[in-house]
Amino acid sequence: MYKKAEASNNLDTLSKFKQFKKSTAKEQKRARWQHVNNIIQEGLEDNNTRPFCKFVKAQRQDNFGIPALKQGGTFHSDSTTKSKIMLHEFTSVFTHDDTSFIPKLSSPSFPDIEKLHINQEGVDKLLSSLDANKASDPDNIPEVF
């Protein structure tokens, strides 16, 4: 309906859309409160507060992060100490392997690259030989600027 109202450039169509949007939002609010009332009513009839508590908990949007952590009988709530405690716990579950017995594998040797000499004439020559009709590289930079 929004696309139709926008495409028409007609004030009457736009007004109908706004009215429809307003009534839809009103109906959504009414349906939500009806749902909450049903939860409360069922809880009262069954003497069960659990569904309502579950609903309230789902509505909470606060986030306090990591709670205080206990180390050595003391609770720590500052971020630096909590991060150190968590780092200690994380590193404690990993073993440190002895790497002294890993055999050395021989690999083919390659000669070192000679010193590169870059000058303006060489760069100009390479840039002028680029083909403008070729596709760009994976970096999406075309060959001709």
Protein backbone atom coordinates (compact mmCIF):
# COMPACT_ATOMS: atom_id res chain seq x y z
CA MET A 1 0.00 0.00 0.00
CA TYR A 2 2.94 2.33 0.72
CA LYS A 3 4.44 1.72 -2.73
CA LYS A 4 1.08 2.38 -4.33
CA ALA A 5 0.66 5.63 -2.39
CA GLU A 6 4.19 6.74 -3.17
CA ALA A 7 3.91 5.91 -6.87
CA SER A 8 0.58 7.68 -7.30
CA ASN A 9 1.72 11.08 -5.98
CA ASN A 10 -1.92 11.51 -4.98
CA LEU A 11 -2.66 13.17 -1.64
CA ASP A 12 -5.87 11.15 -1.23
CA THR A 13 -4.00 7.83 -1.66
CA LEU A 14 -1.26 9.00 0.71
CA SER A 15 -3.88 9.99 3.27
CA LYS A 16 -5.52 6.55 3.00
CA PHE A 17 -2.15 4.91 3.55
CA LYS A 18 -1.45 6.99 6.65
CA GLN A 19 -4.89 6.14 8.04
CA PHE A 20 -4.31 2.45 7.34
CA LYS A 21 -0.88 2.59 9.02
CA LYS A 22 -2.38 4.28 12.09
CA SER A 23 -5.23 1.78 12.40
CA THR A 24 -2.81 -1.15 11.95
CA ALA A 25 -0.55 0.14 14.74
CA LYS A 26 -3.61 0.61 16.98
CA GLU A 27 -4.77 -2.95 16.27
CA GLN A 28 -1.30 -4.33 17.03
CA LYS A 29 -1.28 -2.58 20.42
CA ARG A 30 -4.77 -3.88 21.17
CA ALA A 31 -3.78 -7.45 20.25
CA ARG A 32 -0.63 -7.24 22.40
CA TRP A 33 -2.56 -6.08 25.46
CA GLN A 34 -5.19 -8.73 24.85
CA HIS A 35 -2.38 -11.31 24.86
CA VAL A 36 -1.00 -9.93 28.15
CA ASN A 37 -4.48 -9.94 29.70
CA ASN A 38 -4.98 -13.56 28.61
CA ILE A 39 -1.70 -14.55 30.26
CA ILE A 40 -2.69 -12.81 33.50
CA GLN A 41 -6.22 -14.24 33.44
CA GLU A 42 -4.99 -17.81 32.87
CA GLY A 43 -2.46 -17.39 35.67
CA LEU A 44 -5.12 -16.19 38.08
CA GLU A 45 -7.49 -19.01 37.17
CA ASP A 46 -4.79 -21.69 37.50
CA ASN A 47 -3.03 -19.99 40.43
CA ASN A 48 0.16 -20.09 38.35
CA THR A 49 2.34 -17.01 38.00
CA ARG A 50 4.94 -18.75 35.86
CA PRO A 51 3.57 -17.74 32.40
CA PHE A 52 3.35 -14.09 33.46
CA CYS A 53 6.89 -14.13 34.91
CA LYS A 54 8.11 -15.72 31.68
CA PHE A 55 6.41 -12.95 29.67
CA VAL A 56 7.92 -10.19 31.84
CA LYS A 57 11.38 -11.74 31.59
CA ALA A 58 11.08 -11.87 27.79
CA GLN A 59 10.23 -8.15 27.73
CA ARG A 60 13.36 -7.11 29.64
CA GLN A 61 15.94 -5.45 27.46
CA ASP A 62 18.60 -4.57 29.99
CA ASN A 63 22.02 -6.14 29.71
CA PHE A 64 24.44 -5.88 32.56
CA GLY A 65 27.22 -7.86 30.89
CA ILE A 66 29.28 -10.31 32.88
CA PRO A 67 28.30 -10.47 36.55
CA ALA A 68 30.84 -10.26 39.36
CA LEU A 69 33.32 -13.14 39.34
CA LYS A 70 34.66 -14.94 42.38
CA GLN A 71 38.38 -15.63 42.70
CA GLY A 72 40.13 -16.65 45.88
CA GLY A 73 36.98 -16.16 47.95
CA THR A 74 36.53 -12.56 46.78
CA PHE A 75 34.03 -11.19 44.29
CA HIS A 76 35.44 -8.88 41.61
CA SER A 77 33.22 -6.54 39.61
CA ASP A 78 35.66 -4.24 37.78
CA SER A 79 36.17 -4.99 34.10
CA THR A 80 39.95 -5.31 34.20
CA THR A 81 39.98 -7.91 36.97
CA LYS A 82 37.09 -9.83 35.39
CA SER A 83 38.93 -9.97 32.07
CA LYS A 84 42.09 -11.26 33.81
CA ILE A 85 40.09 -13.93 35.66
CA MET A 86 38.47 -15.04 32.41
CA LEU A 87 41.83 -15.07 30.60
CA HIS A 88 43.30 -17.25 33.35
CA GLU A 89 40.37 -19.67 33.12
CA PHE A 90 40.57 -19.76 29.33
CA THR A 91 44.31 -20.44 29.24
CA SER A 92 44.08 -23.06 31.99
CA VAL A 93 42.08 -25.45 29.80
CA PHE A 94 44.74 -25.62 27.09
CA THR A 95 47.93 -27.64 27.26
CA HIS A 96 51.32 -26.39 26.22
CA ASP A 97 52.83 -29.03 23.94
CA ASP A 98 56.57 -29.65 23.88
CA THR A 99 57.60 -28.69 20.38
CA SER A 100 61.26 -29.63 20.75
CA PHE A 101 60.70 -33.08 19.17
CA ILE A 102 59.12 -31.86 15.93
CA PRO A 103 61.38 -32.97 13.07
CA LYS A 104 62.82 -30.39 10.71
CA LEU A 105 61.54 -30.98 7.20
CA SER A 106 63.83 -30.13 4.38
CA SER A 107 62.32 -27.82 1.86
CA PRO A 108 63.61 -26.81 -1.54
CA SER A 109 65.86 -23.81 -1.36
CA PHE A 110 65.22 -20.82 -3.55
CA PRO A 111 67.74 -18.12 -4.34
CA ASP A 112 67.25 -14.70 -2.80
CA ILE A 113 65.66 -12.02 -4.95
CA GLU A 114 68.12 -9.50 -6.28
CA LYS A 115 67.70 -5.85 -5.29
CA LEU A 116 64.90 -4.17 -7.17
CA HIS A 117 65.57 -0.93 -9.01
CA ILE A 118 62.37 1.02 -9.65
CA ASN A 119 62.45 4.19 -11.68
CA GLN A 120 59.87 6.49 -13.25
CA GLU A 121 60.59 5.44 -16.84
CA GLY A 122 60.00 1.75 -16.00
CA VAL A 123 56.73 2.50 -14.22
CA ASP A 124 55.57 4.71 -17.13
CA LYS A 125 56.44 1.93 -19.60
CA LEU A 126 54.46 -0.67 -17.62
CA LEU A 127 51.44 1.61 -17.16
CA SER A 128 51.33 2.58 -20.84
CA SER A 129 51.33 -1.09 -21.88
CA LEU A 130 48.16 -1.92 -19.89
CA ASP A 131 45.18 -3.04 -21.98
CA ALA A 132 42.09 -0.95 -21.18
CA ASN A 133 39.79 -3.65 -22.59
CA LYS A 134 40.77 -6.27 -20.02
CA ALA A 135 38.70 -6.94 -16.90
CA SER A 136 39.82 -5.56 -13.57
CA ASP A 137 41.68 -7.67 -11.03
CA PRO A 138 40.03 -9.01 -7.85
CA ASP A 139 40.75 -5.65 -6.21
CA ASN A 140 38.22 -4.11 -8.66
CA ILE A 141 40.68 -1.43 -9.76
CA PRO A 142 40.45 -0.96 -13.53
CA GLU A 143 43.64 -0.94 -15.56
CA VAL A 144 42.96 2.55 -16.88
CA PHE A 145 42.08 5.26 -14.41
